[in-house]
Amino acid sequence: MSTAALVLAAGASRRLGRPKQLEPWGSTNLLGHVVNRIKQLAIDEIWVVLGYESDAILEATDLGDAGVVENPEWEEGIASSIRVGLDALTRLSRSDRALITVGDQPDTPVEVFNELLASHSKSGKPASVPKYRYNWGNPVVVDRSLWPRLMSLEGDEGAMRLWQAHPEWVNEVWFPDAPPRDVDTETDVTELQPRHTA
């Protein structure tokens, strides 16, 4: 199966007070770090959904050959980025499945992505979701057959409510670790920052 990665990075970082995408992170910025991690995976395409301060982010971030999708409705929340991103994939990509991840979890291990993709290929289910100890989290893998359902989402909840309503769709992949942390506050920046330039 061919795979397109969809990195959701359109939000305004209200709690941090400045665009978290541009936060210095190792040898790049936070968004560049996340995209570089995705580039380590055996996937076919990378797409990045931008919204708030998109021009400044594009100017400051080397996204390589990743496609960029503009989300004019970014203020609505994460569902709007899922809609806009999957609409772009529906029109512009031939990929069979989407690996949907968020642009503010810099420490998601490459092994989590790889195990999720491998398990999805064997599962026969249209969606694969990681379960960290007791809770579902990100990233998720979704077959093209489910993209229209995800494109009907609204608000800032993401897809979790959809998975809860249709557990028969979900291949649950268990991980013993705590879920990757979001970069939302100054404390997160301080605690999650790389300790050296990589």
N, C-alpha and C. Protein backbone atom coordinates (compact mmCIF):
# COMPACT_ATOMS: atom_id res chain seq x y z
N MET A 1 0.85 -1.20 0.00
CA MET A 1 0.00 0.00 0.00
C MET A 1 0.88 1.24 0.00
N SER A 2 0.51 2.21 -0.82
CA SER A 2 1.25 3.47 -0.82
C SER A 2 0.69 4.38 0.27
N THR A 3 1.57 5.17 0.88
CA THR A 3 1.21 5.95 2.06
C THR A 3 1.60 7.41 1.88
N ALA A 4 0.67 8.29 2.20
CA ALA A 4 0.94 9.72 2.27
C ALA A 4 0.89 10.15 3.73
N ALA A 5 1.93 10.84 4.19
CA ALA A 5 1.91 11.40 5.54
C ALA A 5 1.29 12.79 5.49
N LEU A 6 0.43 13.06 6.46
CA LEU A 6 -0.25 14.35 6.55
C LEU A 6 0.08 14.94 7.91
N VAL A 7 0.86 16.03 7.90
CA VAL A 7 1.31 16.68 9.13
C VAL A 7 0.42 17.90 9.38
N LEU A 8 -0.30 17.88 10.50
CA LEU A 8 -1.23 18.97 10.82
C LEU A 8 -0.50 20.03 11.64
N ALA A 9 -0.35 21.22 11.05
CA ALA A 9 0.45 22.27 11.71
C ALA A 9 -0.13 23.66 11.42
N ALA A 10 -1.46 23.78 11.52
CA ALA A 10 -2.11 25.03 11.13
C ALA A 10 -2.48 25.94 12.29
N GLY A 11 -2.34 25.47 13.52
CA GLY A 11 -2.87 26.22 14.66
C GLY A 11 -2.06 27.44 15.04
N ALA A 12 -2.65 28.25 15.94
CA ALA A 12 -2.08 29.56 16.30
C ALA A 12 -1.25 29.53 17.57
N SER A 13 -1.10 28.38 18.21
CA SER A 13 -0.26 28.28 19.42
C SER A 13 -0.64 29.31 20.46
N ARG A 14 -1.93 29.42 20.76
CA ARG A 14 -2.41 30.48 21.66
C ARG A 14 -1.79 30.38 23.05
N ARG A 15 -1.60 29.17 23.55
CA ARG A 15 -1.06 29.04 24.90
C ARG A 15 0.41 29.46 24.97
N LEU A 16 1.14 29.23 23.89
CA LEU A 16 2.55 29.62 23.88
C LEU A 16 2.72 31.11 23.58
N GLY A 17 1.79 31.66 22.82
CA GLY A 17 1.84 33.09 22.53
C GLY A 17 2.67 33.46 21.32
N ARG A 18 3.19 32.47 20.60
CA ARG A 18 3.94 32.70 19.36
C ARG A 18 3.86 31.41 18.55
N PRO A 19 4.12 31.45 17.26
CA PRO A 19 3.97 30.24 16.44
C PRO A 19 4.94 29.13 16.89
N LYS A 20 4.40 28.08 17.45
CA LYS A 20 5.27 26.99 17.93
C LYS A 20 6.01 26.33 16.77
N GLN A 21 5.42 26.40 15.58
CA GLN A 21 6.07 25.78 14.42
C GLN A 21 7.48 26.34 14.20
N LEU A 22 7.68 27.62 14.60
CA LEU A 22 8.95 28.31 14.36
C LEU A 22 9.91 28.22 15.53
N GLU A 23 9.51 27.52 16.59
CA GLU A 23 10.37 27.42 17.77
C GLU A 23 11.68 26.72 17.40
N PRO A 24 12.85 27.31 17.70
CA PRO A 24 14.11 26.65 17.37
C PRO A 24 14.18 25.25 17.98
N TRP A 25 14.60 24.29 17.15
CA TRP A 25 14.59 22.89 17.60
C TRP A 25 15.75 22.16 16.96
N GLY A 26 16.80 21.96 17.73
CA GLY A 26 17.99 21.35 17.14
C GLY A 26 18.55 22.25 16.05
N SER A 27 18.78 21.67 14.88
CA SER A 27 19.34 22.43 13.76
C SER A 27 18.28 23.07 12.89
N THR A 28 17.01 22.97 13.29
CA THR A 28 15.92 23.53 12.49
C THR A 28 14.91 24.14 13.46
N ASN A 29 13.63 24.12 13.09
CA ASN A 29 12.59 24.53 14.02
C ASN A 29 11.67 23.34 14.30
N LEU A 30 10.67 23.56 15.14
CA LEU A 30 9.82 22.44 15.59
C LEU A 30 9.17 21.72 14.41
N LEU A 31 8.58 22.48 13.48
CA LEU A 31 7.93 21.84 12.34
C LEU A 31 8.96 21.13 11.46
N GLY A 32 10.10 21.77 11.23
CA GLY A 32 11.15 21.13 10.43
C GLY A 32 11.63 19.84 11.06
N HIS A 33 11.73 19.83 12.39
CA HIS A 33 12.14 18.62 13.11
C HIS A 33 11.13 17.49 12.89
N VAL A 34 9.84 17.81 13.02
CA VAL A 34 8.81 16.78 12.84
C VAL A 34 8.83 16.25 11.41
N VAL A 35 8.93 17.14 10.43
CA VAL A 35 8.96 16.70 9.03
C VAL A 35 10.20 15.86 8.76
N ASN A 36 11.34 16.24 9.32
CA ASN A 36 12.56 15.44 9.13
C ASN A 36 12.40 14.04 9.71
N ARG A 37 11.68 13.93 10.82
CA ARG A 37 11.44 12.60 11.40
C ARG A 37 10.55 11.77 10.47
N ILE A 38 9.54 12.39 9.89
CA ILE A 38 8.66 11.68 8.96
C ILE A 38 9.44 11.20 7.74
N LYS A 39 10.44 11.98 7.32
CA LYS A 39 11.23 11.61 6.15
C LYS A 39 12.01 10.31 6.37
N GLN A 40 12.18 9.90 7.62
CA GLN A 40 12.89 8.66 7.91
C GLN A 40 12.03 7.42 7.67
N LEU A 41 10.74 7.61 7.42
CA LEU A 41 9.82 6.49 7.26
C LEU A 41 9.75 6.03 5.81
N ALA A 42 9.30 4.81 5.63
CA ALA A 42 9.12 4.26 4.28
C ALA A 42 7.74 4.67 3.77
N ILE A 43 7.63 5.95 3.42
CA ILE A 43 6.36 6.45 2.89
C ILE A 43 6.60 7.09 1.53
N ASP A 44 5.51 7.39 0.83
CA ASP A 44 5.62 7.85 -0.56
C ASP A 44 5.53 9.37 -0.71
N GLU A 45 4.79 10.02 0.17
CA GLU A 45 4.59 11.46 0.05
C GLU A 45 4.47 12.06 1.45
N ILE A 46 4.82 13.35 1.55
CA ILE A 46 4.58 14.11 2.77
C ILE A 46 3.81 15.38 2.40
N TRP A 47 2.76 15.64 3.16
CA TRP A 47 1.97 16.86 2.99
C TRP A 47 1.87 17.56 4.34
N VAL A 48 1.98 18.87 4.33
CA VAL A 48 1.92 19.66 5.56
C VAL A 48 0.76 20.65 5.45
N VAL A 49 -0.11 20.65 6.45
CA VAL A 49 -1.23 21.58 6.48
C VAL A 49 -0.84 22.79 7.33
N LEU A 50 -0.85 23.97 6.73
CA LEU A 50 -0.53 25.21 7.42
C LEU A 50 -1.73 26.14 7.43
N GLY A 51 -1.73 27.07 8.38
CA GLY A 51 -2.81 28.06 8.47
C GLY A 51 -2.28 29.36 9.03
N TYR A 52 -2.25 29.46 10.35
CA TYR A 52 -1.76 30.66 11.03
C TYR A 52 -0.30 30.93 10.66
N GLU A 53 -0.01 32.19 10.26
CA GLU A 53 1.36 32.62 9.93
C GLU A 53 2.03 31.70 8.91
N SER A 54 1.25 31.24 7.95
CA SER A 54 1.80 30.25 7.00
C SER A 54 2.95 30.82 6.18
N ASP A 55 2.87 32.08 5.78
CA ASP A 55 3.95 32.66 4.97
C ASP A 55 5.26 32.68 5.74
N ALA A 56 5.20 33.10 7.01
CA ALA A 56 6.42 33.16 7.83
C ALA A 56 6.97 31.76 8.06
N ILE A 57 6.09 30.79 8.26
CA ILE A 57 6.53 29.42 8.49
C ILE A 57 7.20 28.84 7.25
N LEU A 58 6.59 29.09 6.08
CA LEU A 58 7.18 28.59 4.84
C LEU A 58 8.54 29.23 4.57
N GLU A 59 8.66 30.50 4.88
CA GLU A 59 9.91 31.20 4.63
C GLU A 59 11.03 30.68 5.53
N ALA A 60 10.69 30.26 6.74
CA ALA A 60 11.70 29.89 7.73
C ALA A 60 11.96 28.39 7.83
N THR A 61 11.18 27.57 7.11
CA THR A 61 11.24 26.12 7.31
C THR A 61 11.55 25.41 6.00
N ASP A 62 12.55 24.56 6.02
CA ASP A 62 12.88 23.74 4.85
C ASP A 62 12.03 22.47 4.90
N LEU A 63 11.00 22.46 4.10
CA LEU A 63 10.10 21.30 4.06
C LEU A 63 10.48 20.31 2.96
N GLY A 64 11.59 20.58 2.27
CA GLY A 64 12.01 19.67 1.22
C GLY A 64 10.97 19.60 0.12
N ASP A 65 10.66 18.37 -0.31
CA ASP A 65 9.69 18.21 -1.38
C ASP A 65 8.28 17.92 -0.86
N ALA A 66 8.05 18.23 0.41
CA ALA A 66 6.70 18.04 0.96
C ALA A 66 5.71 18.99 0.29
N GLY A 67 4.50 18.50 0.05
CA GLY A 67 3.45 19.36 -0.44
C GLY A 67 2.88 20.21 0.69
N VAL A 68 2.40 21.39 0.37
CA VAL A 68 1.84 22.29 1.37
C VAL A 68 0.37 22.54 1.04
N VAL A 69 -0.47 22.40 2.07
CA VAL A 69 -1.91 22.64 1.93
C VAL A 69 -2.26 23.80 2.86
N GLU A 70 -2.89 24.82 2.32
CA GLU A 70 -3.31 25.97 3.13
C GLU A 70 -4.71 25.71 3.69
N ASN A 71 -4.87 25.92 4.99
CA ASN A 71 -6.16 25.77 5.65
C ASN A 71 -6.69 27.15 6.03
N PRO A 72 -7.60 27.72 5.24
CA PRO A 72 -8.13 29.05 5.55
C PRO A 72 -9.05 29.05 6.77
N GLU A 73 -9.48 27.86 7.20
CA GLU A 73 -10.41 27.76 8.34
C GLU A 73 -9.69 27.24 9.59
N TRP A 74 -8.40 27.53 9.71
CA TRP A 74 -7.60 26.97 10.80
C TRP A 74 -8.13 27.33 12.18
N GLU A 75 -8.81 28.47 12.30
CA GLU A 75 -9.31 28.89 13.62
C GLU A 75 -10.37 27.93 14.16
N GLU A 76 -10.99 27.15 13.28
CA GLU A 76 -12.03 26.21 13.72
C GLU A 76 -11.46 25.09 14.57
N GLY A 77 -10.20 24.71 14.32
CA GLY A 77 -9.61 23.61 15.08
C GLY A 77 -9.09 22.52 14.18
N ILE A 78 -8.69 21.43 14.82
CA ILE A 78 -7.96 20.38 14.10
C ILE A 78 -8.81 19.68 13.05
N ALA A 79 -10.12 19.60 13.24
CA ALA A 79 -10.97 18.94 12.26
C ALA A 79 -10.88 19.63 10.90
N SER A 80 -10.76 20.94 10.90
CA SER A 80 -10.66 21.66 9.63
C SER A 80 -9.37 21.29 8.90
N SER A 81 -8.30 21.08 9.63
CA SER A 81 -7.04 20.68 8.99
C SER A 81 -7.12 19.26 8.44
N ILE A 82 -7.81 18.38 9.16
CA ILE A 82 -8.02 17.03 8.64
C ILE A 82 -8.83 17.09 7.34
N ARG A 83 -9.89 17.89 7.35
CA ARG A 83 -10.73 18.02 6.15
C ARG A 83 -9.94 18.54 4.96
N VAL A 84 -9.25 19.66 5.17
CA VAL A 84 -8.51 20.29 4.07
C VAL A 84 -7.39 19.37 3.58
N GLY A 85 -6.69 18.74 4.52
CA GLY A 85 -5.60 17.85 4.14
C GLY A 85 -6.07 16.65 3.35
N LEU A 86 -7.12 15.99 3.83
CA LEU A 86 -7.62 14.81 3.13
C LEU A 86 -8.28 15.17 1.80
N ASP A 87 -8.89 16.35 1.72
CA ASP A 87 -9.42 16.81 0.44
C ASP A 87 -8.30 16.95 -0.58
N ALA A 88 -7.17 17.52 -0.15
CA ALA A 88 -6.03 17.65 -1.05
C ALA A 88 -5.50 16.28 -1.47
N LEU A 89 -5.42 15.34 -0.53
CA LEU A 89 -4.95 14.00 -0.87
C LEU A 89 -5.91 13.31 -1.83
N THR A 90 -7.20 13.49 -1.61
CA THR A 90 -8.20 12.88 -2.50
C THR A 90 -8.00 13.35 -3.93
N ARG A 91 -7.68 14.63 -4.09
CA ARG A 91 -7.55 15.21 -5.43
C ARG A 91 -6.16 15.01 -6.04
N LEU A 92 -5.13 15.03 -5.23
CA LEU A 92 -3.76 15.15 -5.74
C LEU A 92 -2.88 13.93 -5.51
N SER A 93 -3.33 12.99 -4.69
CA SER A 93 -2.50 11.84 -4.35
C SER A 93 -3.19 10.55 -4.77
N ARG A 94 -2.36 9.58 -5.12
CA ARG A 94 -2.90 8.25 -5.42
C ARG A 94 -2.69 7.29 -4.27
N SER A 95 -2.27 7.79 -3.14
CA SER A 95 -1.96 6.93 -2.00
C SER A 95 -3.20 6.21 -1.50
N ASP A 96 -2.96 5.00 -0.99
CA ASP A 96 -4.05 4.16 -0.49
C ASP A 96 -4.43 4.49 0.95
N ARG A 97 -3.50 5.10 1.67
CA ARG A 97 -3.75 5.37 3.08
C ARG A 97 -3.00 6.63 3.50
N ALA A 98 -3.47 7.24 4.56
CA ALA A 98 -2.85 8.44 5.10
C ALA A 98 -2.35 8.16 6.51
N LEU A 99 -1.12 8.57 6.76
CA LEU A 99 -0.55 8.59 8.11
C LEU A 99 -0.73 10.02 8.61
N ILE A 100 -1.68 10.21 9.53
CA ILE A 100 -2.00 11.56 10.01
C ILE A 100 -1.30 11.78 11.34
N THR A 101 -0.48 12.83 11.39
CA THR A 101 0.24 13.14 12.61
C THR A 101 0.15 14.64 12.88
N VAL A 102 0.57 15.05 14.06
CA VAL A 102 0.49 16.46 14.44
C VAL A 102 1.89 17.06 14.48
N GLY A 103 1.96 18.35 14.21
CA GLY A 103 3.25 19.00 14.08
C GLY A 103 3.86 19.48 15.37
N ASP A 104 3.22 19.15 16.51
CA ASP A 104 3.75 19.65 17.79
C ASP A 104 4.09 18.52 18.77
N GLN A 105 4.34 17.32 18.23
CA GLN A 105 4.81 16.21 19.06
C GLN A 105 6.18 15.78 18.56
N PRO A 106 7.24 16.47 18.98
CA PRO A 106 8.56 16.23 18.40
C PRO A 106 9.20 14.91 18.80
N ASP A 107 8.71 14.29 19.87
CA ASP A 107 9.39 13.11 20.40
C ASP A 107 8.69 11.80 20.08
N THR A 108 7.74 11.81 19.14
CA THR A 108 7.14 10.53 18.74
C THR A 108 8.22 9.66 18.11
N PRO A 109 8.51 8.50 18.70
CA PRO A 109 9.62 7.67 18.17
C PRO A 109 9.33 7.17 16.76
N VAL A 110 10.37 7.10 15.95
CA VAL A 110 10.23 6.54 14.60
C VAL A 110 9.66 5.12 14.69
N GLU A 111 10.03 4.40 15.76
CA GLU A 111 9.54 3.02 15.93
C GLU A 111 8.02 2.97 16.07
N VAL A 112 7.42 4.00 16.67
CA VAL A 112 5.97 4.04 16.80
C VAL A 112 5.33 4.15 15.42
N PHE A 113 5.84 5.05 14.60
CA PHE A 113 5.32 5.18 13.23
C PHE A 113 5.47 3.86 12.48
N ASN A 114 6.65 3.27 12.55
CA ASN A 114 6.90 2.05 11.78
C ASN A 114 6.04 0.89 12.25
N GLU A 115 5.90 0.73 13.57
CA GLU A 115 5.08 -0.37 14.09
C GLU A 115 3.61 -0.17 13.73
N LEU A 116 3.17 1.07 13.78
CA LEU A 116 1.78 1.37 13.43
C LEU A 116 1.51 1.04 11.97
N LEU A 117 2.42 1.45 11.09
CA LEU A 117 2.24 1.17 9.66
C LEU A 117 2.28 -0.33 9.38
N ALA A 118 3.22 -1.03 10.02
CA ALA A 118 3.34 -2.48 9.79
C ALA A 118 2.10 -3.22 10.29
N SER A 119 1.62 -2.84 11.46
CA SER A 119 0.43 -3.49 12.01
C SER A 119 -0.79 -3.20 11.15
N HIS A 120 -0.87 -1.98 10.66
CA HIS A 120 -2.02 -1.62 9.81
C HIS A 120 -2.06 -2.49 8.56
N SER A 121 -0.91 -2.73 7.96
CA SER A 121 -0.86 -3.52 6.73
C SER A 121 -1.38 -4.93 6.92
N LYS A 122 -1.25 -5.45 8.14
CA LYS A 122 -1.68 -6.82 8.41
C LYS A 122 -3.09 -6.91 8.96
N SER A 123 -3.64 -5.81 9.42
CA SER A 123 -4.84 -5.86 10.26
C SER A 123 -6.14 -6.11 9.50
N GLY A 124 -6.23 -5.61 8.27
CA GLY A 124 -7.50 -5.69 7.56
C GLY A 124 -8.52 -4.66 8.02
N LYS A 125 -8.17 -3.82 8.98
CA LYS A 125 -9.06 -2.76 9.46
C LYS A 125 -8.73 -1.46 8.73
N PRO A 126 -9.70 -0.56 8.56
CA PRO A 126 -9.43 0.67 7.81
C PRO A 126 -8.73 1.76 8.61
N ALA A 127 -8.60 1.60 9.92
CA ALA A 127 -7.92 2.60 10.73
C ALA A 127 -7.04 1.91 11.77
N SER A 128 -5.86 2.46 12.02
CA SER A 128 -4.98 1.98 13.07
C SER A 128 -4.64 3.13 14.00
N VAL A 129 -4.79 2.88 15.30
CA VAL A 129 -4.64 3.91 16.31
C VAL A 129 -3.71 3.40 17.41
N PRO A 130 -2.72 4.19 17.82
CA PRO A 130 -1.87 3.75 18.92
C PRO A 130 -2.58 3.90 20.26
N LYS A 131 -2.37 2.93 21.14
CA LYS A 131 -2.87 3.04 22.51
C LYS A 131 -1.66 3.07 23.44
N TYR A 132 -1.44 4.23 24.04
CA TYR A 132 -0.32 4.40 24.96
C TYR A 132 -0.83 4.10 26.37
N ARG A 133 -0.43 2.96 26.92
CA ARG A 133 -0.91 2.52 28.22
C ARG A 133 -2.43 2.42 28.19
N TYR A 134 -3.14 3.50 28.53
CA TYR A 134 -4.60 3.41 28.67
C TYR A 134 -5.37 4.27 27.67
N ASN A 135 -4.69 5.10 26.90
CA ASN A 135 -5.39 6.07 26.06
C ASN A 135 -4.94 6.02 24.61
N TRP A 136 -5.90 6.26 23.72
CA TRP A 136 -5.57 6.41 22.31
C TRP A 136 -4.85 7.74 22.09
N GLY A 137 -4.03 7.77 21.02
CA GLY A 137 -3.29 9.00 20.73
C GLY A 137 -2.98 9.13 19.26
N ASN A 138 -1.91 9.83 18.97
CA ASN A 138 -1.43 10.07 17.62
C ASN A 138 -0.07 9.39 17.44
N PRO A 139 0.30 9.12 16.18
CA PRO A 139 -0.40 9.35 14.91
C PRO A 139 -1.43 8.26 14.63
N VAL A 140 -2.19 8.42 13.56
CA VAL A 140 -3.14 7.39 13.14
C VAL A 140 -2.93 7.09 11.66
N VAL A 141 -3.33 5.88 11.27
CA VAL A 141 -3.27 5.49 9.85
C VAL A 141 -4.70 5.21 9.40
N VAL A 142 -5.07 5.80 8.26
CA VAL A 142 -6.46 5.69 7.80
C VAL A 142 -6.48 5.37 6.31
N ASP A 143 -7.19 4.30 5.96
CA ASP A 143 -7.35 3.94 4.55
C ASP A 143 -8.20 4.98 3.82
N ARG A 144 -7.98 5.08 2.51
CA ARG A 144 -8.71 6.04 1.68
C ARG A 144 -10.22 5.85 1.81
N SER A 145 -10.67 4.63 2.04
CA SER A 145 -12.12 4.37 2.14
C SER A 145 -12.78 5.16 3.27
N LEU A 146 -12.00 5.53 4.29
CA LEU A 146 -12.55 6.28 5.43
C LEU A 146 -12.35 7.79 5.32
N TRP A 147 -11.60 8.23 4.34
CA TRP A 147 -11.33 9.67 4.26
C TRP A 147 -12.61 10.51 4.21
N PRO A 148 -13.65 10.10 3.44
CA PRO A 148 -14.87 10.93 3.44
C PRO A 148 -15.50 11.07 4.83
N ARG A 149 -15.42 10.02 5.64
CA ARG A 149 -15.97 10.11 6.99
C ARG A 149 -15.18 11.11 7.85
N LEU A 150 -13.87 11.07 7.73
CA LEU A 150 -13.05 12.02 8.48
C LEU A 150 -13.25 13.44 8.00
N MET A 151 -13.58 13.59 6.73
CA MET A 151 -13.79 14.93 6.18
C MET A 151 -15.12 15.53 6.63
N SER A 152 -15.93 14.75 7.34
CA SER A 152 -17.17 15.28 7.90
C SER A 152 -17.00 15.75 9.34
N LEU A 153 -15.80 15.62 9.89
CA LEU A 153 -15.55 16.04 11.28
C LEU A 153 -15.64 17.55 11.42
N GLU A 154 -15.99 18.00 12.62
CA GLU A 154 -16.05 19.42 12.91
C GLU A 154 -15.42 19.69 14.26
N GLY A 155 -14.96 20.94 14.47
CA GLY A 155 -14.47 21.36 15.78
C GLY A 155 -13.02 21.02 16.02
N ASP A 156 -12.68 20.83 17.29
CA ASP A 156 -11.29 20.67 17.68
C ASP A 156 -11.02 19.32 18.35
N GLU A 157 -11.81 18.31 17.99
CA GLU A 157 -11.68 17.02 18.65
C GLU A 157 -10.87 16.00 17.88
N GLY A 158 -10.59 16.25 16.63
CA GLY A 158 -9.92 15.23 15.86
C GLY A 158 -10.85 14.04 15.61
N ALA A 159 -10.25 12.87 15.40
CA ALA A 159 -11.03 11.70 14.98
C ALA A 159 -11.41 10.77 16.11
N MET A 160 -11.03 11.08 17.35
CA MET A 160 -11.25 10.11 18.43
C MET A 160 -12.72 9.75 18.63
N ARG A 161 -13.60 10.73 18.50
CA ARG A 161 -15.02 10.43 18.68
C ARG A 161 -15.51 9.46 17.61
N LEU A 162 -14.98 9.60 16.40
CA LEU A 162 -15.35 8.69 15.32
C LEU A 162 -14.88 7.27 15.63
N TRP A 163 -13.65 7.14 16.15
CA TRP A 163 -13.16 5.80 16.49
C TRP A 163 -13.98 5.20 17.63
N GLN A 164 -14.36 6.01 18.59
CA GLN A 164 -15.17 5.51 19.70
C GLN A 164 -16.54 5.04 19.23
N ALA A 165 -17.08 5.72 18.24
CA ALA A 165 -18.40 5.34 17.71
C ALA A 165 -18.33 4.10 16.83
N HIS A 166 -17.16 3.83 16.26
CA HIS A 166 -17.02 2.70 15.34
C HIS A 166 -15.77 1.89 15.69
N PRO A 167 -15.77 1.23 16.85
CA PRO A 167 -14.58 0.46 17.24
C PRO A 167 -14.28 -0.68 16.27
N GLU A 168 -15.29 -1.10 15.51
CA GLU A 168 -15.04 -2.18 14.56
C GLU A 168 -14.11 -1.76 13.42
N TRP A 169 -13.91 -0.46 13.25
CA TRP A 169 -12.99 0.03 12.22
C TRP A 169 -11.54 0.02 12.68
N VAL A 170 -11.34 -0.06 13.99
CA VAL A 170 -10.05 0.32 14.58
C VAL A 170 -9.16 -0.88 14.88
N ASN A 171 -7.95 -0.83 14.36
CA ASN A 171 -6.87 -1.72 14.76
C ASN A 171 -6.07 -0.99 15.83
N GLU A 172 -6.15 -1.49 17.05
CA GLU A 172 -5.50 -0.83 18.18
C GLU A 172 -4.10 -1.41 18.35
N VAL A 173 -3.10 -0.52 18.35
CA VAL A 173 -1.71 -0.94 18.48
C VAL A 173 -1.18 -0.43 19.82
N TRP A 174 -0.84 -1.37 20.69
CA TRP A 174 -0.51 -0.99 22.07
C TRP A 174 0.97 -0.67 22.23
N PHE A 175 1.25 0.41 22.95
CA PHE A 175 2.62 0.80 23.29
C PHE A 175 2.70 0.99 24.80
N PRO A 176 3.79 0.52 25.43
CA PRO A 176 3.88 0.58 26.90
C PRO A 176 4.22 1.96 27.44
N ASP A 177 4.68 2.86 26.57
CA ASP A 177 5.14 4.16 27.04
C ASP A 177 3.99 5.15 27.19
N ALA A 178 4.27 6.25 27.87
CA ALA A 178 3.32 7.35 27.93
C ALA A 178 3.19 7.98 26.54
N PRO A 179 2.06 8.62 26.23
CA PRO A 179 1.90 9.24 24.91
C PRO A 179 2.90 10.37 24.71
N PRO A 180 3.30 10.63 23.48
CA PRO A 180 4.18 11.76 23.22
C PRO A 180 3.52 13.07 23.67
N ARG A 181 4.33 13.96 24.21
CA ARG A 181 3.81 15.23 24.70
C ARG A 181 3.71 16.26 23.58
N ASP A 182 2.68 17.10 23.68
CA ASP A 182 2.55 18.25 22.80
C ASP A 182 3.44 19.38 23.31
N VAL A 183 3.90 20.21 22.40
CA VAL A 183 4.55 21.46 22.77
C VAL A 183 3.47 22.54 22.79
N ASP A 184 3.01 22.89 23.99
CA ASP A 184 1.94 23.87 24.13
C ASP A 184 2.34 25.08 24.95
N THR A 185 3.28 24.92 25.89
CA THR A 185 3.61 25.97 26.84
C THR A 185 5.13 26.18 26.91
N GLU A 186 5.53 27.23 27.63
CA GLU A 186 6.97 27.47 27.83
C GLU A 186 7.63 26.29 28.54
N THR A 187 6.90 25.69 29.48
CA THR A 187 7.45 24.53 30.19
C THR A 187 7.71 23.38 29.22
N ASP A 188 6.78 23.15 28.29
CA ASP A 188 6.98 22.09 27.30
C ASP A 188 8.21 22.37 26.44
N VAL A 189 8.35 23.63 26.01
CA VAL A 189 9.52 23.99 25.20
C VAL A 189 10.80 23.68 25.96
N THR A 190 10.86 24.11 27.24
CA THR A 190 12.06 23.91 28.04
C THR A 190 12.36 22.43 28.25
N GLU A 191 11.33 21.64 28.55
CA GLU A 191 11.54 20.25 28.91
C GLU A 191 11.75 19.33 27.69
N LEU A 192 11.20 19.72 26.54
CA LEU A 192 11.27 18.85 25.37
C LEU A 192 12.35 19.25 24.38
N GLN A 193 12.90 20.44 24.54
CA GLN A 193 13.96 20.91 23.63
C GLN A 193 15.10 19.91 23.55
N PRO A 194 15.63 19.67 22.36
CA PRO A 194 16.83 18.84 22.26
C PRO A 194 17.97 19.45 23.09
N ARG A 195 18.73 18.60 23.72
CA ARG A 195 19.81 19.08 24.59
C ARG A 195 21.05 19.49 23.80
N HIS A 196 21.09 19.12 22.53
CA HIS A 196 22.22 19.51 21.70
C HIS A 196 21.74 19.65 20.27
N THR A 197 22.49 20.34 19.47
CA THR A 197 22.13 20.51 18.07
C THR A 197 22.38 19.20 17.32
N ALA A 198 21.34 18.76 16.63
CA ALA A 198 21.46 17.48 15.90
C ALA A 198 21.38 17.73 14.41
